[in-house]
């Protein structure tokens, strides 16, 4: 559904509008959703500066998408058997525990 990239590797052309989706009171905001200014479709969920990563909606990419792993699999609604690593939260280099889960 979304792909995670280092924010310095992403260039977005076109105008975006920040969508306000405030976290529960007392919880710090760690991401900012941005939509297309023309059609209001989701484009990116910006996790900078907390992770220096962005989620890009996979369907808008202009290149072939080849996933490498799944994140936050512990809370996944759909379980997928595709042979890729499934991280309980995030890989360690992205600030997570690095704990993987079985398919």
PDB file of N, CA and C in Angstrom:
ATOM      1  N   UNK A   1       0.818  -1.190   0.000  1.00  0.00           N
ATOM      2  CA  UNK A   1       0.000   0.000   0.000  1.00  0.00           C
ATOM      3  C   UNK A   1       0.864   1.256   0.000  1.00  0.00           C
ATOM      4  N   UNK A   2       1.935   1.260   0.807  1.00  0.00           N
ATOM      5  CA  UNK A   2       2.848   2.398   0.830  1.00  0.00           C
ATOM      6  C   UNK A   2       4.272   1.862   0.889  1.00  0.00           C
ATOM      7  N   UNK A   3       5.178   2.630   0.377  1.00  0.00           N
ATOM      8  CA  UNK A   3       6.578   2.249   0.352  1.00  0.00           C
ATOM      9  C   UNK A   3       7.377   3.247   1.165  1.00  0.00           C
ATOM     10  N   UNK A   4       8.371   2.763   1.877  1.00  0.00           N
ATOM     11  CA  UNK A   4       9.164   3.598   2.775  1.00  0.00           C
ATOM     12  C   UNK A   4      10.508   3.902   2.122  1.00  0.00           C
ATOM     13  N   UNK A   5      10.857   5.179   2.031  1.00  0.00           N
ATOM     14  CA  UNK A   5      12.116   5.616   1.421  1.00  0.00           C
ATOM     15  C   UNK A   5      12.801   6.643   2.320  1.00  0.00           C
ATOM     16  N   UNK A   6      14.145   6.701   2.283  1.00  0.00           N
ATOM     17  CA  UNK A   6      14.841   7.803   2.957  1.00  0.00           C
ATOM     18  C   UNK A   6      14.396   9.122   2.316  1.00  0.00           C
ATOM     19  N   UNK A   7      14.040  10.099   3.125  1.00  0.00           N
ATOM     20  CA  UNK A   7      13.479  11.348   2.602  1.00  0.00           C
ATOM     21  C   UNK A   7      14.427  12.070   1.653  1.00  0.00           C
ATOM     22  N   UNK A   8      15.740  11.932   1.842  1.00  0.00           N
ATOM     23  CA  UNK A   8      16.674  12.627   0.951  1.00  0.00           C
ATOM     24  C   UNK A   8      16.717  11.998  -0.443  1.00  0.00           C
ATOM     25  N   UNK A   9      16.126  10.796  -0.621  1.00  0.00           N
ATOM     26  CA  UNK A   9      16.112  10.126  -1.921  1.00  0.00           C
ATOM     27  C   UNK A   9      14.819  10.355  -2.696  1.00  0.00           C
ATOM     28  N   UNK A  10      13.924  11.196  -2.166  1.00  0.00           N
ATOM     29  CA  UNK A  10      12.609  11.378  -2.780  1.00  0.00           C
ATOM     30  C   UNK A  10      12.453  12.800  -3.288  1.00  0.00           C
ATOM     31  N   UNK A  11      12.002  12.904  -4.542  1.00  0.00           N
ATOM     32  CA  UNK A  11      11.659  14.201  -5.121  1.00  0.00           C
ATOM     33  C   UNK A  11      10.208  14.131  -5.566  1.00  0.00           C
ATOM     34  N   UNK A  12       9.419  15.054  -5.083  1.00  0.00           N
ATOM     35  CA  UNK A  12       8.007  15.101  -5.448  1.00  0.00           C
ATOM     36  C   UNK A  12       7.783  16.361  -6.267  1.00  0.00           C
ATOM     37  N   UNK A  13       7.196  16.180  -7.449  1.00  0.00           N
ATOM     38  CA  UNK A  13       6.873  17.340  -8.283  1.00  0.00           C
ATOM     39  C   UNK A  13       5.381  17.607  -8.153  1.00  0.00           C
ATOM     40  N   UNK A  14       5.001  18.834  -8.241  1.00  0.00           N
ATOM     41  CA  UNK A  14       3.595  19.200  -8.091  1.00  0.00           C
ATOM     42  C   UNK A  14       3.345  19.785  -6.715  1.00  0.00           C
ATOM     43  N   UNK A  15       2.172  20.340  -6.557  1.00  0.00           N
ATOM     44  CA  UNK A  15       1.816  21.005  -5.306  1.00  0.00           C
ATOM     45  C   UNK A  15       1.150  20.037  -4.343  1.00  0.00           C
ATOM     46  N   UNK A  16       1.562  20.125  -3.081  1.00  0.00           N
ATOM     47  CA  UNK A  16       0.996  19.288  -2.031  1.00  0.00           C
ATOM     48  C   UNK A  16       0.322  20.150  -0.976  1.00  0.00           C
ATOM     49  N   UNK A  17      -0.648  19.560  -0.291  1.00  0.00           N
ATOM     50  CA  UNK A  17      -1.343  20.203   0.811  1.00  0.00           C
ATOM     51  C   UNK A  17      -1.186  19.301   2.018  1.00  0.00           C
ATOM     52  N   UNK A  18      -0.793  19.890   3.156  1.00  0.00           N
ATOM     53  CA  UNK A  18      -0.679  19.083   4.369  1.00  0.00           C
ATOM     54  C   UNK A  18      -2.060  18.790   4.924  1.00  0.00           C
ATOM     55  N   UNK A  19      -2.298  17.509   5.174  1.00  0.00           N
ATOM     56  CA  UNK A  19      -3.566  17.049   5.732  1.00  0.00           C
ATOM     57  C   UNK A  19      -3.380  16.950   7.238  1.00  0.00           C
ATOM     58  N   UNK A  20      -4.184  17.658   7.989  1.00  0.00           N
ATOM     59  CA  UNK A  20      -4.046  17.670   9.431  1.00  0.00           C
ATOM     60  C   UNK A  20      -4.720  16.452  10.039  1.00  0.00           C
ATOM     61  N   UNK A  21      -3.925  15.613  10.626  1.00  0.00           N
ATOM     62  CA  UNK A  21      -4.422  14.421  11.308  1.00  0.00           C
ATOM     63  C   UNK A  21      -3.670  14.355  12.630  1.00  0.00           C
ATOM     64  N   UNK A  22      -4.180  15.059  13.606  1.00  0.00           N
ATOM     65  CA  UNK A  22      -3.499  15.196  14.893  1.00  0.00           C
ATOM     66  C   UNK A  22      -3.535  13.884  15.676  1.00  0.00           C
ATOM     67  N   UNK A  23      -2.422  13.539  16.326  1.00  0.00           N
ATOM     68  CA  UNK A  23      -2.403  12.334  17.170  1.00  0.00           C
ATOM     69  C   UNK A  23      -3.195  12.581  18.457  1.00  0.00           C
ATOM     70  N   UNK A  24      -3.486  11.517  19.202  1.00  0.00           N
ATOM     71  CA  UNK A  24      -4.198  11.693  20.474  1.00  0.00           C
ATOM     72  C   UNK A  24      -3.438  12.646  21.402  1.00  0.00           C
ATOM     73  N   UNK A  25      -4.157  13.363  22.241  1.00  0.00           N
ATOM     74  CA  UNK A  25      -3.554  14.321  23.162  1.00  0.00           C
ATOM     75  C   UNK A  25      -2.470  13.644  23.997  1.00  0.00           C
ATOM     76  N   UNK A  26      -1.320  14.297  24.109  1.00  0.00           N
ATOM     77  CA  UNK A  26      -0.200  13.771  24.872  1.00  0.00           C
ATOM     78  C   UNK A  26       0.739  12.902  24.047  1.00  0.00           C
ATOM     79  N   UNK A  27       0.369  12.621  22.796  1.00  0.00           N
ATOM     80  CA  UNK A  27       1.211  11.824  21.906  1.00  0.00           C
ATOM     81  C   UNK A  27       1.879  12.770  20.922  1.00  0.00           C
ATOM     82  N   UNK A  28       3.205  12.679  20.773  1.00  0.00           N
ATOM     83  CA  UNK A  28       3.878  13.584  19.839  1.00  0.00           C
ATOM     84  C   UNK A  28       3.544  13.239  18.393  1.00  0.00           C
ATOM     85  N   UNK A  29       3.447  14.264  17.557  1.00  0.00           N
ATOM     86  CA  UNK A  29       3.197  14.024  16.139  1.00  0.00           C
ATOM     87  C   UNK A  29       4.504  13.601  15.492  1.00  0.00           C
ATOM     88  N   UNK A  30       4.497  12.457  14.825  1.00  0.00           N
ATOM     89  CA  UNK A  30       5.721  11.920  14.213  1.00  0.00           C
ATOM     90  C   UNK A  30       5.618  11.829  12.697  1.00  0.00           C
ATOM     91  N   UNK A  31       4.476  12.208  12.139  1.00  0.00           N
ATOM     92  CA  UNK A  31       4.354  12.187  10.686  1.00  0.00           C
ATOM     93  C   UNK A  31       3.333  13.222  10.231  1.00  0.00           C
ATOM     94  N   UNK A  32       3.496  13.618   8.964  1.00  0.00           N
ATOM     95  CA  UNK A  32       2.637  14.630   8.373  1.00  0.00           C
ATOM     96  C   UNK A  32       2.193  14.131   7.004  1.00  0.00           C
ATOM     97  N   UNK A  33       0.880  13.914   6.861  1.00  0.00           N
ATOM     98  CA  UNK A  33       0.322  13.416   5.601  1.00  0.00           C
ATOM     99  C   UNK A  33       0.154  14.580   4.635  1.00  0.00           C
ATOM    100  N   UNK A  34       0.519  14.334   3.382  1.00  0.00           N
ATOM    101  CA  UNK A  34       0.389  15.370   2.359  1.00  0.00           C
ATOM    102  C   UNK A  34      -0.366  14.797   1.169  1.00  0.00           C
ATOM    103  N   UNK A  35      -1.296  15.604   0.647  1.00  0.00           N
ATOM    104  CA  UNK A  35      -2.132  15.181  -0.461  1.00  0.00           C
ATOM    105  C   UNK A  35      -1.882  16.072  -1.669  1.00  0.00           C
ATOM    106  N   UNK A  36      -2.320  15.604  -2.834  1.00  0.00           N
ATOM    107  CA  UNK A  36      -2.211  16.377  -4.061  1.00  0.00           C
ATOM    108  C   UNK A  36      -3.116  17.604  -3.950  1.00  0.00           C
ATOM    109  N   UNK A  37      -2.585  18.779  -4.271  1.00  0.00           N
ATOM    110  CA  UNK A  37      -3.361  20.015  -4.171  1.00  0.00           C
ATOM    111  C   UNK A  37      -4.510  20.052  -5.182  1.00  0.00           C
ATOM    112  N   UNK A  38      -4.396  19.291  -6.288  1.00  0.00           N
ATOM    113  CA  UNK A  38      -5.444  19.305  -7.316  1.00  0.00           C
ATOM    114  C   UNK A  38      -6.553  18.297  -7.032  1.00  0.00           C
ATOM    115  N   UNK A  39      -6.174  17.028  -6.766  1.00  0.00           N
ATOM    116  CA  UNK A  39      -7.200  15.989  -6.633  1.00  0.00           C
ATOM    117  C   UNK A  39      -7.384  15.496  -5.198  1.00  0.00           C
ATOM    118  N   UNK A  40      -6.520  15.925  -4.305  1.00  0.00           N
ATOM    119  CA  UNK A  40      -6.564  15.594  -2.878  1.00  0.00           C
ATOM    120  C   UNK A  40      -6.311  14.111  -2.572  1.00  0.00           C
ATOM    121  N   UNK A  41      -5.709  13.387  -3.513  1.00  0.00           N
ATOM    122  CA  UNK A  41      -5.321  11.990  -3.266  1.00  0.00           C
ATOM    123  C   UNK A  41      -4.102  11.960  -2.355  1.00  0.00           C
ATOM    124  N   UNK A  42      -4.001  10.914  -1.546  1.00  0.00           N
ATOM    125  CA  UNK A  42      -2.817  10.756  -0.705  1.00  0.00           C
ATOM    126  C   UNK A  42      -1.581  10.601  -1.572  1.00  0.00           C
ATOM    127  N   UNK A  43      -0.508  11.275  -1.179  1.00  0.00           N
ATOM    128  CA  UNK A  43       0.748  11.192  -1.916  1.00  0.00           C
ATOM    129  C   UNK A  43       1.852  10.689  -1.004  1.00  0.00           C
ATOM    130  N   UNK A  44       2.007  11.335   0.151  1.00  0.00           N
ATOM    131  CA  UNK A  44       3.135  11.020   1.009  1.00  0.00           C
ATOM    132  C   UNK A  44       2.760  11.204   2.472  1.00  0.00           C
ATOM    133  N   UNK A  45       3.352  10.384   3.309  1.00  0.00           N
ATOM    134  CA  UNK A  45       3.270  10.550   4.752  1.00  0.00           C
ATOM    135  C   UNK A  45       4.705  10.795   5.200  1.00  0.00           C
ATOM    136  N   UNK A  46       5.004  12.015   5.563  1.00  0.00           N
ATOM    137  CA  UNK A  46       6.374  12.450   5.859  1.00  0.00           C
ATOM    138  C   UNK A  46       6.705  12.213   7.330  1.00  0.00           C
ATOM    139  N   UNK A  47       7.699  11.350   7.576  1.00  0.00           N
ATOM    140  CA  UNK A  47       8.133  11.030   8.938  1.00  0.00           C
ATOM    141  C   UNK A  47       9.379  11.823   9.348  1.00  0.00           C
ATOM    142  N   UNK A  48       9.782  12.786   8.527  1.00  0.00           N
ATOM    143  CA  UNK A  48      10.912  13.623   8.853  1.00  0.00           C
ATOM    144  C   UNK A  48      10.448  14.655   9.879  1.00  0.00           C
ATOM    145  N   UNK A  49      11.133  14.995  10.917  1.00  0.00           N
ATOM    146  CA  UNK A  49      12.492  14.604  11.264  1.00  0.00           C
ATOM    147  C   UNK A  49      12.592  13.364  12.158  1.00  0.00           C
ATOM    148  N   UNK A  50      11.458  12.792  12.587  1.00  0.00           N
ATOM    149  CA  UNK A  50      11.538  11.685  13.548  1.00  0.00           C
ATOM    150  C   UNK A  50      12.294  10.478  12.994  1.00  0.00           C
ATOM    151  N   UNK A  51      12.101  10.124  11.725  1.00  0.00           N
ATOM    152  CA  UNK A  51      12.764   8.965  11.131  1.00  0.00           C
ATOM    153  C   UNK A  51      13.593   9.316   9.905  1.00  0.00           C
ATOM    154  N   UNK A  52      13.412  10.503   9.362  1.00  0.00           N
ATOM    155  CA  UNK A  52      14.041  10.890   8.101  1.00  0.00           C
ATOM    156  C   UNK A  52      13.628   9.940   6.975  1.00  0.00           C
ATOM    157  N   UNK A  53      12.353   9.524   7.022  1.00  0.00           N
ATOM    158  CA  UNK A  53      11.786   8.623   6.031  1.00  0.00           C
ATOM    159  C   UNK A  53      10.429   9.170   5.590  1.00  0.00           C
ATOM    160  N   UNK A  54      10.015   8.755   4.388  1.00  0.00           N
ATOM    161  CA  UNK A  54       8.681   9.097   3.894  1.00  0.00           C
ATOM    162  C   UNK A  54       8.005   7.834   3.373  1.00  0.00           C
ATOM    163  N   UNK A  55       6.680   7.740   3.562  1.00  0.00           N
ATOM    164  CA  UNK A  55       5.855   6.700   2.931  1.00  0.00           C
ATOM    165  C   UNK A  55       5.293   7.306   1.665  1.00  0.00           C
ATOM    166  N   UNK A  56       5.530   6.627   0.557  1.00  0.00           N
ATOM    167  CA  UNK A  56       4.948   7.055  -0.714  1.00  0.00           C
ATOM    168  C   UNK A  56       3.865   6.048  -1.083  1.00  0.00           C
ATOM    169  N   UNK A  57       2.707   6.527  -1.497  1.00  0.00           N
ATOM    170  CA  UNK A  57       1.640   5.644  -1.942  1.00  0.00           C
ATOM    171  C   UNK A  57       2.146   4.900  -3.181  1.00  0.00           C
ATOM    172  N   UNK A  58       2.192   3.572  -3.113  1.00  0.00           N
ATOM    173  CA  UNK A  58       2.823   2.746  -4.152  1.00  0.00           C
ATOM    174  C   UNK A  58       2.251   2.969  -5.543  1.00  0.00           C
ATOM    175  N   UNK A  59       0.966   3.196  -5.637  1.00  0.00           N
ATOM    176  CA  UNK A  59       0.316   3.331  -6.935  1.00  0.00           C
ATOM    177  C   UNK A  59       0.717   4.549  -7.743  1.00  0.00           C
ATOM    178  N   UNK A  60       1.373   5.525  -7.141  1.00  0.00           N
ATOM    179  CA  UNK A  60       1.737   6.731  -7.893  1.00  0.00           C
ATOM    180  C   UNK A  60       3.179   6.700  -8.389  1.00  0.00           C
ATOM    181  N   UNK A  61       3.933   5.659  -8.054  1.00  0.00           N
ATOM    182  CA  UNK A  61       5.338   5.594  -8.454  1.00  0.00           C
ATOM    183  C   UNK A  61       5.466   5.431  -9.963  1.00  0.00           C
ATOM    184  N   UNK A  62       6.457   6.102 -10.544  1.00  0.00           N
ATOM    185  CA  UNK A  62       6.671   5.991 -11.982  1.00  0.00           C
ATOM    186  C   UNK A  62       7.778   4.981 -12.303  1.00  0.00           C
ATOM    187  N   UNK A  63       8.005   4.062 -11.410  1.00  0.00           N
ATOM    188  CA  UNK A  63       8.995   2.994 -11.615  1.00  0.00           C
ATOM    189  C   UNK A  63       8.430   1.701 -11.054  1.00  0.00           C
ATOM    190  N   UNK A  64       9.014   0.574 -11.471  1.00  0.00           N
ATOM    191  CA  UNK A  64       8.546  -0.712 -10.962  1.00  0.00           C
ATOM    192  C   UNK A  64       8.818  -0.806  -9.467  1.00  0.00           C
ATOM    193  N   UNK A  65       7.854  -1.302  -8.740  1.00  0.00           N
ATOM    194  CA  UNK A  65       7.973  -1.429  -7.292  1.00  0.00           C
ATOM    195  C   UNK A  65       8.286  -2.869  -6.920  1.00  0.00           C
ATOM    196  N   UNK A  66       9.396  -3.073  -6.221  1.00  0.00           N
ATOM    197  CA  UNK A  66       9.780  -4.393  -5.730  1.00  0.00           C
ATOM    198  C   UNK A  66       9.981  -4.298  -4.219  1.00  0.00           C
ATOM    199  N   UNK A  67       9.023  -4.795  -3.440  1.00  0.00           N
ATOM    200  CA  UNK A  67       9.155  -4.696  -1.980  1.00  0.00           C
ATOM    201  C   UNK A  67      10.316  -5.531  -1.461  1.00  0.00           C
ATOM    202  N   UNK A  68      10.899  -5.087  -0.341  1.00  0.00           N
ATOM    203  CA  UNK A  68      12.030  -5.798   0.276  1.00  0.00           C
ATOM    204  C   UNK A  68      11.631  -6.441   1.599  1.00  0.00           C
ATOM    205  N   UNK A  69      10.651  -5.851   2.312  1.00  0.00           N
ATOM    206  CA  UNK A  69      10.204  -6.378   3.593  1.00  0.00           C
ATOM    207  C   UNK A  69       8.897  -5.699   3.993  1.00  0.00           C
ATOM    208  N   UNK A  70       8.271  -6.226   5.032  1.00  0.00           N
ATOM    209  CA  UNK A  70       7.046  -5.640   5.580  1.00  0.00           C
ATOM    210  C   UNK A  70       7.358  -5.034   6.948  1.00  0.00           C
ATOM    211  N   UNK A  71       6.732  -3.898   7.266  1.00  0.00           N
ATOM    212  CA  UNK A  71       6.933  -3.262   8.569  1.00  0.00           C
ATOM    213  C   UNK A  71       5.623  -3.278   9.350  1.00  0.00           C
ATOM    214  N   UNK A  72       5.740  -3.172  10.674  1.00  0.00           N
ATOM    215  CA  UNK A  72       4.583  -3.160  11.588  1.00  0.00           C
ATOM    216  C   UNK A  72       3.661  -4.357  11.325  1.00  0.00           C
ATOM    217  N   UNK A  73       4.266  -5.518  11.046  1.00  0.00           N
ATOM    218  CA  UNK A  73       3.493  -6.709  10.694  1.00  0.00           C
ATOM    219  C   UNK A  73       2.676  -7.239  11.865  1.00  0.00           C
ATOM    220  N   UNK A  74       3.109  -6.932  13.081  1.00  0.00           N
ATOM    221  CA  UNK A  74       2.371  -7.382  14.265  1.00  0.00           C
ATOM    222  C   UNK A  74       0.932  -6.872  14.244  1.00  0.00           C
ATOM    223  N   UNK A  75       0.737  -5.677  13.703  1.00  0.00           N
ATOM    224  CA  UNK A  75      -0.605  -5.091  13.664  1.00  0.00           C
ATOM    225  C   UNK A  75      -1.232  -5.152  12.267  1.00  0.00           C
ATOM    226  N   UNK A  76      -0.679  -5.984  11.379  1.00  0.00           N
ATOM    227  CA  UNK A  76      -1.193  -6.076  10.008  1.00  0.00           C
ATOM    228  C   UNK A  76      -2.624  -6.608   9.986  1.00  0.00           C
ATOM    229  N   UNK A  77      -3.439  -6.000   9.170  1.00  0.00           N
ATOM    230  CA  UNK A  77      -4.805  -6.467   8.970  1.00  0.00           C
ATOM    231  C   UNK A  77      -4.809  -7.676   8.041  1.00  0.00           C
ATOM    232  N   UNK A  78      -3.990  -7.615   7.009  1.00  0.00           N
ATOM    233  CA  UNK A  78      -3.871  -8.705   6.046  1.00  0.00           C
ATOM    234  C   UNK A  78      -2.518  -9.367   6.209  1.00  0.00           C
ATOM    235  N   UNK A  79      -2.497 -10.675   6.361  1.00  0.00           N
ATOM    236  CA  UNK A  79      -1.258 -11.438   6.466  1.00  0.00           C
ATOM    237  C   UNK A  79      -0.920 -11.960   5.076  1.00  0.00           C
ATOM    238  N   UNK A  80       0.306 -11.732   4.631  1.00  0.00           N
ATOM    239  CA  UNK A  80       0.718 -12.052   3.273  1.00  0.00           C
ATOM    240  C   UNK A  80       1.841 -13.078   3.300  1.00  0.00           C
ATOM    241  N   UNK A  81       1.702 -14.144   2.532  1.00  0.00           N
ATOM    242  CA  UNK A  81       2.756 -15.151   2.400  1.00  0.00           C
ATOM    243  C   UNK A  81       3.491 -14.889   1.093  1.00  0.00           C
ATOM    244  N   UNK A  82       4.587 -14.160   1.195  1.00  0.00           N
ATOM    245  CA  UNK A  82       5.357 -13.816  -0.005  1.00  0.00           C
ATOM    246  C   UNK A  82       6.854 -14.068   0.158  1.00  0.00           C
ATOM    247  N   UNK A  83       7.254 -14.651   1.291  1.00  0.00           N
ATOM    248  CA  UNK A  83       8.661 -14.965   1.500  1.00  0.00           C
ATOM    249  C   UNK A  83       9.523 -13.798   1.942  1.00  0.00           C
ATOM    250  N   UNK A  84       8.958 -12.601   2.059  1.00  0.00           N
ATOM    251  CA  UNK A  84       9.723 -11.427   2.482  1.00  0.00           C
ATOM    252  C   UNK A  84       9.762 -11.364   4.003  1.00  0.00           C
ATOM    253  N   UNK A  85      10.832 -10.766   4.566  1.00  0.00           N
ATOM    254  CA  UNK A  85      10.884 -10.591   6.021  1.00  0.00           C
ATOM    255  C   UNK A  85       9.718  -9.731   6.508  1.00  0.00           C
ATOM    256  N   UNK A  86       9.184 -10.106   7.675  1.00  0.00           N
ATOM    257  CA  UNK A  86       8.089  -9.379   8.292  1.00  0.00           C
ATOM    258  C   UNK A  86       8.542  -8.873   9.652  1.00  0.00           C
ATOM    259  N   UNK A  87       8.743  -7.557   9.749  1.00  0.00           N
ATOM    260  CA  UNK A  87       9.215  -6.959  10.995  1.00  0.00           C
ATOM    261  C   UNK A  87       8.038  -6.657  11.911  1.00  0.00           C
ATOM    262  N   UNK A  88       8.189  -7.028  13.176  1.00  0.00           N
ATOM    263  CA  UNK A  88       7.160  -6.741  14.174  1.00  0.00           C
ATOM    264  C   UNK A  88       6.860  -5.255  14.208  1.00  0.00           C
ATOM    265  N   UNK A  89       7.903  -4.431  14.165  1.00  0.00           N
ATOM    266  CA  UNK A  89       7.747  -2.982  14.098  1.00  0.00           C
ATOM    267  C   UNK A  89       8.573  -2.465  12.913  1.00  0.00           C
ATOM    268  N   UNK A  90       9.844  -2.131  13.155  1.00  0.00           N
ATOM    269  CA  UNK A  90      10.728  -1.631  12.105  1.00  0.00           C
ATOM    270  C   UNK A  90      12.087  -2.319  12.199  1.00  0.00           C
ATOM    271  N   UNK A  91      12.853  -2.335  11.102  1.00  0.00           N
ATOM    272  CA  UNK A  91      14.241  -2.800  11.192  1.00  0.00           C
ATOM    273  C   UNK A  91      15.035  -1.891  12.133  1.00  0.00           C
ATOM    274  N   UNK A  92      16.113  -2.395  12.701  1.00  0.00           N
ATOM    275  CA  UNK A  92      16.895  -1.601  13.656  1.00  0.00           C
ATOM    276  C   UNK A  92      17.443  -0.320  13.032  1.00  0.00           C
ATOM    277  N   UNK A  93      17.845  -0.360  11.752  1.00  0.00           N
ATOM    278  CA  UNK A  93      18.399   0.852  11.134  1.00  0.00           C
ATOM    279  C   UNK A  93      17.343   1.928  10.884  1.00  0.00           C
ATOM    280  N   UNK A  94      16.067   1.574  11.095  1.00  0.00           N
ATOM    281  CA  UNK A  94      14.992   2.568  11.004  1.00  0.00           C
ATOM    282  C   UNK A  94      14.425   2.917  12.370  1.00  0.00           C
ATOM    283  N   UNK A  95      15.116   2.464  13.436  1.00  0.00           N
ATOM    284  CA  UNK A  95      14.715   2.804  14.792  1.00  0.00           C
ATOM    285  C   UNK A  95      13.826   1.782  15.464  1.00  0.00           C
ATOM    286  N   UNK A  96      13.647   0.617  14.854  1.00  0.00           N
ATOM    287  CA  UNK A  96      12.791  -0.407  15.439  1.00  0.00           C
ATOM    288  C   UNK A  96      13.581  -1.452  16.199  1.00  0.00           C
ATOM    289  N   UNK A  97      12.891  -2.491  16.625  1.00  0.00           N
ATOM    290  CA  UNK A  97      13.519  -3.565  17.380  1.00  0.00           C
ATOM    291  C   UNK A  97      14.267  -4.538  16.485  1.00  0.00           C
ATOM    292  N   UNK A  98      13.910  -4.601  15.211  1.00  0.00           N
ATOM    293  CA  UNK A  98      14.511  -5.547  14.291  1.00  0.00           C
ATOM    294  C   UNK A  98      13.939  -6.951  14.420  1.00  0.00           C
ATOM    295  N   UNK A  99      12.944  -7.119  15.295  1.00  0.00           N
ATOM    296  CA  UNK A  99      12.325  -8.418  15.507  1.00  0.00           C
ATOM    297  C   UNK A  99      11.456  -8.797  14.322  1.00  0.00           C
ATOM    298  N   UNK A 100      11.692  -9.988  13.773  1.00  0.00           N
ATOM    299  CA  UNK A 100      10.879 -10.473  12.658  1.00  0.00           C
ATOM    300  C   UNK A 100       9.853 -11.469  13.163  1.00  0.00           C
ATOM    301  N   UNK A 101       8.838 -11.678  12.323  1.00  0.00           N
ATOM    302  CA  UNK A 101       7.735 -12.583  12.667  1.00  0.00           C
ATOM    303  C   UNK A 101       7.604 -13.632  11.568  1.00  0.00           C
ATOM    304  N   UNK A 102       7.051 -14.802  11.908  1.00  0.00           N
ATOM    305  CA  UNK A 102       6.815 -15.815  10.880  1.00  0.00           C
ATOM    306  C   UNK A 102       5.663 -15.401   9.967  1.00  0.00           C
ATOM    307  N   UNK A 103       5.626 -16.027   8.779  1.00  0.00           N
ATOM    308  CA  UNK A 103       4.543 -15.725   7.847  1.00  0.00           C
ATOM    309  C   UNK A 103       3.231 -16.216   8.325  1.00  0.00           C
TER     310      UNK A 103
END
